[in-house]
Every structure is written in C-alpha cells, then in structure tokens.
Amino acid sequence: MHKYNLNELIEFDDKKFRRKVLLNESGNRMVLLSLRAGQSVPAHGNQRKVIIHGVRGHITFYEGTSSCELRAGEVVCLESGAPHRIEAQEDSVLFVVATENADALQNTSRELDLREVPRPVRHPLVFANIDALTVGEWFVLINDHDPVPLSRQIEDRRPGQMTWEYERREPGMFRIRITRIASPGAAAISA
C-alpha cells in the first residue's frame, strides 16, 4: 500500500513545469504536474488511457483542435493515442493517472508516425512518448528520413535507458523500434 499527500508533494519551478512521478509500473503511471501561470506542456500522445484531475488552479486542456477549461475538482478523460497539450492560466496542479486498457495490452502495433507532424513538435512528442514507457515497453517510430540526430539526443538525455532498432530503412520510410530497457533511476545508478 502506498499513500500520498498530494499537497505536500507540490513543487513549482519558475522556469518550467514540474513533473513528479509517484508510480511507474507496467500498465500504470501516476504523475503530479505543477505549472506556474503561463507555463505549458507541449503537444504529446500517450499509449495509455489518461485521466487528468485538477487539484489546484485553472488550465486550458487541448485535445487536437478541441479545448476545454479544467479547474480544481474537475476531471478530463482521454483515450490512448490522442494528441494533447496543456496551458496554465494560473498556478495549477494536476494529478495524472495513465492506465493500460485491455485493447492497448493486445495491440502489438504501437506506432508514432512523424511524417505529418510539424517539425517543431516532433522531438518533444517523441520524448513525451519515451517518458510514458515503463521498462520493457516500446513503440515504433515512423519517419520519412533517418532521424540520426534524434537517436543521439535520446542517448544524451536518457543515457542507458533506451534501445534504438531499425525495422525498416528505405528511402522515404524508416521504422525504428524504441524500447525502454532501464528506468531513469536504474540507469543513473549503473552509470
């Protein structure tokens, strides 16, 4: 049994939003997000169903081209794979729960296709997907060119945590399987 007092875990950072992972086990992830007014979480997707509970403040939540206002005491539910982003209208705290659903557990085709994604969003979207993985989980990155700089950036930012395996390398079509092989804490200890 684990008990958390969310009010004691809130930490704001004036430079960037703060993410505190409370649970990261296969199939389940709980995160506390603290955002100052004006801060945002860039567009990203998640392979799990996501439930976002407003603990404090007021944010604007965007799913694709739709948006809604989320305040303390309100909840937004999001199906797996839906691209979304967040903008804080005032200092805000969100409790995020991501869970595997039966369909996701049976789905062996976890893909992130970057070919139609605007270039400035691509790397943040890839890192959001990487950070949502638990050890042993993976996704297939699809791109129209070989993203070698991204491979280097992943190794620089998440050293020893991920593998990068080409499934297909052809002009105009690259399929890369990205797998989490170590948690951030374990990778830091081994380094």
C-alpha atoms as a PDB file:
ATOM      1  CA  MET A   1       0.000   0.000   0.000  1.00  0.00           C
ATOM      2  CA  HIS A   2       1.225   3.467  -0.893  1.00  0.00           C
ATOM      3  CA  LYS A   3      -0.305   6.665   0.460  1.00  0.00           C
ATOM      4  CA  TYR A   4       0.493  10.108  -0.939  1.00  0.00           C
ATOM      5  CA  ASN A   5      -0.396  13.557   0.348  1.00  0.00           C
ATOM      6  CA  LEU A   6      -0.531  15.499  -2.909  1.00  0.00           C
ATOM      7  CA  ASN A   7      -0.489  18.886  -1.153  1.00  0.00           C
ATOM      8  CA  GLU A   8       2.891  18.041   0.408  1.00  0.00           C
ATOM      9  CA  LEU A   9       4.367  16.996  -2.959  1.00  0.00           C
ATOM     10  CA  ILE A  10       3.571  20.196  -4.888  1.00  0.00           C
ATOM     11  CA  GLU A  11       6.702  21.981  -6.129  1.00  0.00           C
ATOM     12  CA  PHE A  12       6.646  24.893  -8.543  1.00  0.00           C
ATOM     13  CA  ASP A  13       9.558  25.975 -10.742  1.00  0.00           C
ATOM     14  CA  ASP A  14       9.510  29.455 -12.260  1.00  0.00           C
ATOM     15  CA  LYS A  15      11.425  28.261 -15.365  1.00  0.00           C
ATOM     16  CA  LYS A  16       9.491  25.109 -16.355  1.00  0.00           C
ATOM     17  CA  PHE A  17       6.639  22.892 -15.274  1.00  0.00           C
ATOM     18  CA  ARG A  18       7.487  20.271 -12.636  1.00  0.00           C
ATOM     19  CA  ARG A  19       6.645  16.603 -13.042  1.00  0.00           C
ATOM     20  CA  LYS A  20       6.810  14.283 -10.030  1.00  0.00           C
ATOM     21  CA  VAL A  21       6.326  10.584 -10.842  1.00  0.00           C
ATOM     22  CA  LEU A  22       4.538   8.826  -7.978  1.00  0.00           C
ATOM     23  CA  LEU A  23       4.105   5.429  -9.640  1.00  0.00           C
ATOM     24  CA  ASN A  24       5.607   3.969 -12.817  1.00  0.00           C
ATOM     25  CA  GLU A  25       4.842   0.274 -13.101  1.00  0.00           C
ATOM     26  CA  SER A  26       3.874  -1.809 -16.079  1.00  0.00           C
ATOM     27  CA  GLY A  27       0.425  -0.675 -17.114  1.00  0.00           C
ATOM     28  CA  ASN A  28       0.089   2.145 -14.564  1.00  0.00           C
ATOM     29  CA  ARG A  29       1.597   5.585 -14.101  1.00  0.00           C
ATOM     30  CA  MET A  30       0.710   8.374 -11.644  1.00  0.00           C
ATOM     31  CA  VAL A  31       2.224  11.828 -12.036  1.00  0.00           C
ATOM     32  CA  LEU A  32       1.767  15.136 -10.228  1.00  0.00           C
ATOM     33  CA  LEU A  33       2.234  18.158 -12.521  1.00  0.00           C
ATOM     34  CA  SER A  34       2.820  21.644 -11.110  1.00  0.00           C
ATOM     35  CA  LEU A  35       2.660  24.570 -13.534  1.00  0.00           C
ATOM     36  CA  ARG A  36       3.079  28.292 -12.942  1.00  0.00           C
ATOM     37  CA  ALA A  37       0.666  30.623 -14.740  1.00  0.00           C
ATOM     38  CA  GLY A  38       1.737  30.860 -18.394  1.00  0.00           C
ATOM     39  CA  GLN A  39       3.655  27.565 -18.445  1.00  0.00           C
ATOM     40  CA  SER A  40       2.605  24.788 -20.792  1.00  0.00           C
ATOM     41  CA  VAL A  41       3.097  21.109 -21.517  1.00  0.00           C
ATOM     42  CA  PRO A  42       3.804  20.687 -25.260  1.00  0.00           C
ATOM     43  CA  ALA A  43       1.717  18.500 -27.546  1.00  0.00           C
ATOM     44  CA  HIS A  44       2.264  14.791 -26.980  1.00  0.00           C
ATOM     45  CA  GLY A  45       0.456  11.474 -27.066  1.00  0.00           C
ATOM     46  CA  ASN A  46       0.261   8.570 -24.678  1.00  0.00           C
ATOM     47  CA  GLN A  47      -0.194   4.867 -25.326  1.00  0.00           C
ATOM     48  CA  ARG A  48      -2.405   4.600 -22.253  1.00  0.00           C
ATOM     49  CA  LYS A  49      -5.807   5.904 -21.274  1.00  0.00           C
ATOM     50  CA  VAL A  50      -5.237   9.144 -19.328  1.00  0.00           C
ATOM     51  CA  ILE A  51      -7.280  10.703 -16.524  1.00  0.00           C
ATOM     52  CA  ILE A  52      -6.353  14.266 -15.528  1.00  0.00           C
ATOM     53  CA  HIS A  53      -7.718  15.594 -12.251  1.00  0.00           C
ATOM     54  CA  GLY A  54      -7.476  19.308 -11.454  1.00  0.00           C
ATOM     55  CA  VAL A  55      -6.101  19.652  -7.916  1.00  0.00           C
ATOM     56  CA  ARG A  56      -5.491  23.400  -7.921  1.00  0.00           C
ATOM     57  CA  GLY A  57      -5.785  26.341 -10.302  1.00  0.00           C
ATOM     58  CA  HIS A  58      -7.064  26.627 -13.871  1.00  0.00           C
ATOM     59  CA  ILE A  59      -5.663  25.193 -17.107  1.00  0.00           C
ATOM     60  CA  THR A  60      -6.779  25.031 -20.712  1.00  0.00           C
ATOM     61  CA  PHE A  61      -6.621  21.468 -21.982  1.00  0.00           C
ATOM     62  CA  TYR A  62      -6.322  20.866 -25.740  1.00  0.00           C
ATOM     63  CA  GLU A  63      -7.042  17.578 -27.495  1.00  0.00           C
ATOM     64  CA  GLY A  64      -6.289  18.045 -31.183  1.00  0.00           C
ATOM     65  CA  THR A  65      -8.322  21.111 -32.212  1.00  0.00           C
ATOM     66  CA  SER A  66     -10.803  20.840 -29.290  1.00  0.00           C
ATOM     67  CA  SER A  67     -10.253  22.519 -25.947  1.00  0.00           C
ATOM     68  CA  CYS A  68     -11.819  22.747 -22.502  1.00  0.00           C
ATOM     69  CA  GLU A  69     -11.162  24.611 -19.277  1.00  0.00           C
ATOM     70  CA  LEU A  70     -10.156  22.476 -16.298  1.00  0.00           C
ATOM     71  CA  ARG A  71     -10.347  23.773 -12.729  1.00  0.00           C
ATOM     72  CA  ALA A  72      -9.791  22.278  -9.270  1.00  0.00           C
ATOM     73  CA  GLY A  73     -12.149  19.362  -8.663  1.00  0.00           C
ATOM     74  CA  GLU A  74     -12.750  18.676 -12.363  1.00  0.00           C
ATOM     75  CA  VAL A  75     -11.575  15.654 -14.361  1.00  0.00           C
ATOM     76  CA  VAL A  76     -10.795  15.082 -18.061  1.00  0.00           C
ATOM     77  CA  CYS A  77     -10.573  11.556 -19.519  1.00  0.00           C
ATOM     78  CA  LEU A  78      -8.575  10.889 -22.661  1.00  0.00           C
ATOM     79  CA  GLU A  79      -8.368   7.749 -24.781  1.00  0.00           C
ATOM     80  CA  SER A  80      -4.952   6.298 -25.614  1.00  0.00           C
ATOM     81  CA  GLY A  81      -3.113   7.843 -28.532  1.00  0.00           C
ATOM     82  CA  ALA A  82      -4.949  11.188 -28.524  1.00  0.00           C
ATOM     83  CA  PRO A  83      -2.503  14.094 -29.002  1.00  0.00           C
ATOM     84  CA  HIS A  84      -2.968  16.720 -26.300  1.00  0.00           C
ATOM     85  CA  ARG A  85      -1.334  19.727 -24.639  1.00  0.00           C
ATOM     86  CA  ILE A  86      -1.863  21.933 -21.583  1.00  0.00           C
ATOM     87  CA  GLU A  87      -1.597  25.671 -20.866  1.00  0.00           C
ATOM     88  CA  ALA A  88      -1.785  27.007 -17.299  1.00  0.00           C
ATOM     89  CA  GLN A  89      -3.995  30.090 -16.908  1.00  0.00           C
ATOM     90  CA  GLU A  90      -2.942  30.419 -13.250  1.00  0.00           C
ATOM     91  CA  ASP A  91      -0.665  28.462 -10.907  1.00  0.00           C
ATOM     92  CA  SER A  92      -2.079  24.949 -11.260  1.00  0.00           C
ATOM     93  CA  VAL A  93      -1.569  21.381 -10.073  1.00  0.00           C
ATOM     94  CA  LEU A  94      -2.768  18.297 -11.939  1.00  0.00           C
ATOM     95  CA  PHE A  95      -2.898  14.679 -10.829  1.00  0.00           C
ATOM     96  CA  VAL A  96      -2.473  12.457 -13.903  1.00  0.00           C
ATOM     97  CA  VAL A  97      -3.226   8.737 -13.988  1.00  0.00           C
ATOM     98  CA  ALA A  98      -2.355   6.700 -17.085  1.00  0.00           C
ATOM     99  CA  THR A  99      -3.519   3.085 -17.322  1.00  0.00           C
ATOM    100  CA  GLU A 100      -3.336   0.350 -19.917  1.00  0.00           C
ATOM    101  CA  ASN A 101      -6.677  -0.785 -21.202  1.00  0.00           C
ATOM    102  CA  ALA A 102      -7.344  -4.293 -22.491  1.00  0.00           C
ATOM    103  CA  ASP A 103      -7.219  -3.126 -26.113  1.00  0.00           C
ATOM    104  CA  ALA A 104      -3.808  -1.497 -25.609  1.00  0.00           C
ATOM    105  CA  LEU A 105      -2.404  -4.622 -23.979  1.00  0.00           C
ATOM    106  CA  GLN A 106      -3.432  -6.690 -27.011  1.00  0.00           C
ATOM    107  CA  ASN A 107      -2.204  -4.100 -29.511  1.00  0.00           C
ATOM    108  CA  THR A 108       1.256  -5.030 -30.729  1.00  0.00           C
ATOM    109  CA  SER A 109       1.302  -2.162 -33.206  1.00  0.00           C
ATOM    110  CA  ARG A 110       2.247   0.864 -31.100  1.00  0.00           C
ATOM    111  CA  GLU A 111       3.268   3.460 -33.652  1.00  0.00           C
ATOM    112  CA  LEU A 112       4.217   7.118 -33.633  1.00  0.00           C
ATOM    113  CA  ASP A 113       4.136   8.417 -37.198  1.00  0.00           C
ATOM    114  CA  LEU A 114       6.049  11.706 -37.507  1.00  0.00           C
ATOM    115  CA  ARG A 115       5.601  12.185 -41.244  1.00  0.00           C
ATOM    116  CA  GLU A 116       2.654  14.578 -40.865  1.00  0.00           C
ATOM    117  CA  VAL A 117       3.708  16.125 -37.534  1.00  0.00           C
ATOM    118  CA  PRO A 118       5.123  19.696 -37.729  1.00  0.00           C
ATOM    119  CA  ARG A 119       8.908  19.675 -37.251  1.00  0.00           C
ATOM    120  CA  PRO A 120       8.999  21.838 -34.066  1.00  0.00           C
ATOM    121  CA  VAL A 121       6.681  19.355 -32.322  1.00  0.00           C
ATOM    122  CA  ARG A 122       8.434  16.123 -33.358  1.00  0.00           C
ATOM    123  CA  HIS A 123      11.191  15.802 -30.748  1.00  0.00           C
ATOM    124  CA  PRO A 124       9.011  16.898 -27.784  1.00  0.00           C
ATOM    125  CA  LEU A 125       6.376  14.392 -28.933  1.00  0.00           C
ATOM    126  CA  VAL A 126       8.955  11.576 -29.137  1.00  0.00           C
ATOM    127  CA  PHE A 127      10.307  12.379 -25.655  1.00  0.00           C
ATOM    128  CA  ALA A 128       6.784  12.507 -24.202  1.00  0.00           C
ATOM    129  CA  ASN A 129       6.189   9.016 -25.612  1.00  0.00           C
ATOM    130  CA  ILE A 130       9.559   7.803 -24.297  1.00  0.00           C
ATOM    131  CA  ASP A 131       8.827   9.159 -20.827  1.00  0.00           C
ATOM    132  CA  ALA A 132       5.475   7.351 -20.791  1.00  0.00           C
ATOM    133  CA  LEU A 133       7.174   3.960 -21.249  1.00  0.00           C
ATOM    134  CA  THR A 134       7.910   1.589 -18.401  1.00  0.00           C
ATOM    135  CA  VAL A 135      10.734  -0.944 -18.606  1.00  0.00           C
ATOM    136  CA  GLY A 136      10.018  -3.434 -21.402  1.00  0.00           C
ATOM    137  CA  GLU A 137       7.512  -1.206 -23.211  1.00  0.00           C
ATOM    138  CA  TRP A 138       8.199   0.083 -26.709  1.00  0.00           C
ATOM    139  CA  PHE A 139       6.794   1.952 -29.679  1.00  0.00           C
ATOM    140  CA  VAL A 140       7.661   2.120 -33.377  1.00  0.00           C
ATOM    141  CA  LEU A 141       8.744   5.500 -34.692  1.00  0.00           C
ATOM    142  CA  ILE A 142       7.891   6.114 -38.355  1.00  0.00           C
ATOM    143  CA  ASN A 143       9.644   8.850 -40.318  1.00  0.00           C
ATOM    144  CA  ASP A 144      10.384   9.828 -43.912  1.00  0.00           C
ATOM    145  CA  HIS A 145      14.126  10.226 -43.228  1.00  0.00           C
ATOM    146  CA  ASP A 146      16.703   8.634 -40.936  1.00  0.00           C
ATOM    147  CA  PRO A 147      16.473  10.614 -37.649  1.00  0.00           C
ATOM    148  CA  VAL A 148      20.083  10.081 -36.560  1.00  0.00           C
ATOM    149  CA  PRO A 149      20.240  13.385 -34.578  1.00  0.00           C
ATOM    150  CA  LEU A 150      17.181  12.233 -32.598  1.00  0.00           C
ATOM    151  CA  SER A 151      18.951   8.953 -31.765  1.00  0.00           C
ATOM    152  CA  ARG A 152      21.910  10.909 -30.387  1.00  0.00           C
ATOM    153  CA  GLN A 153      19.614  13.252 -28.468  1.00  0.00           C
ATOM    154  CA  ILE A 154      17.829  10.293 -26.848  1.00  0.00           C
ATOM    155  CA  GLU A 155      21.136   8.779 -25.734  1.00  0.00           C
ATOM    156  CA  ASP A 156      22.324  12.172 -24.418  1.00  0.00           C
ATOM    157  CA  ARG A 157      19.116  12.890 -22.480  1.00  0.00           C
ATOM    158  CA  ARG A 158      18.201   9.324 -21.416  1.00  0.00           C
ATOM    159  CA  PRO A 159      21.591   7.556 -21.269  1.00  0.00           C
ATOM    160  CA  GLY A 160      21.372   3.788 -20.947  1.00  0.00           C
ATOM    161  CA  GLN A 161      17.572   3.802 -20.790  1.00  0.00           C
ATOM    162  CA  MET A 162      16.510   3.106 -24.390  1.00  0.00           C
ATOM    163  CA  THR A 163      17.331   0.892 -27.366  1.00  0.00           C
ATOM    164  CA  TRP A 164      17.049   2.024 -30.997  1.00  0.00           C
ATOM    165  CA  GLU A 165      16.451  -0.773 -33.513  1.00  0.00           C
ATOM    166  CA  TYR A 166      15.741  -0.260 -37.201  1.00  0.00           C
ATOM    167  CA  GLU A 167      12.882  -2.395 -38.505  1.00  0.00           C
ATOM    168  CA  ARG A 168      12.954  -0.810 -41.954  1.00  0.00           C
ATOM    169  CA  ARG A 169      15.449   1.524 -43.689  1.00  0.00           C
ATOM    170  CA  GLU A 170      14.403   2.603 -47.150  1.00  0.00           C
ATOM    171  CA  PRO A 171      14.293   5.957 -48.915  1.00  0.00           C
ATOM    172  CA  GLY A 172      11.208   7.767 -47.610  1.00  0.00           C
ATOM    173  CA  MET A 173      10.376   5.084 -44.999  1.00  0.00           C
ATOM    174  CA  PHE A 174      12.139   4.489 -41.706  1.00  0.00           C
ATOM    175  CA  ARG A 175      10.639   2.336 -38.946  1.00  0.00           C
ATOM    176  CA  ILE A 176      12.538   2.342 -35.648  1.00  0.00           C
ATOM    177  CA  ARG A 177      11.557   0.355 -32.568  1.00  0.00           C
ATOM    178  CA  ILE A 178      12.349   2.341 -29.398  1.00  0.00           C
ATOM    179  CA  THR A 179      12.287   0.242 -26.216  1.00  0.00           C
ATOM    180  CA  ARG A 180      12.794   1.260 -22.590  1.00  0.00           C
ATOM    181  CA  ILE A 181      15.417  -1.083 -21.116  1.00  0.00           C
ATOM    182  CA  ALA A 182      16.064   0.722 -17.807  1.00  0.00           C
ATOM    183  CA  SER A 183      14.234   3.131 -15.547  1.00  0.00           C
ATOM    184  CA  PRO A 184      15.795   6.590 -15.081  1.00  0.00           C
ATOM    185  CA  GLY A 185      16.947   5.734 -11.536  1.00  0.00           C
ATOM    186  CA  ALA A 186      18.478   2.380 -12.529  1.00  0.00           C
ATOM    187  CA  ALA A 187      20.306   3.930 -15.485  1.00  0.00           C
ATOM    188  CA  ALA A 188      21.756   6.652 -13.240  1.00  0.00           C
ATOM    189  CA  ILE A 189      22.971   4.074 -10.703  1.00  0.00           C
ATOM    190  CA  SER A 190      24.666   1.936 -13.353  1.00  0.00           C
ATOM    191  CA  ALA A 191      26.359   4.995 -14.847  1.00  0.00           C
END
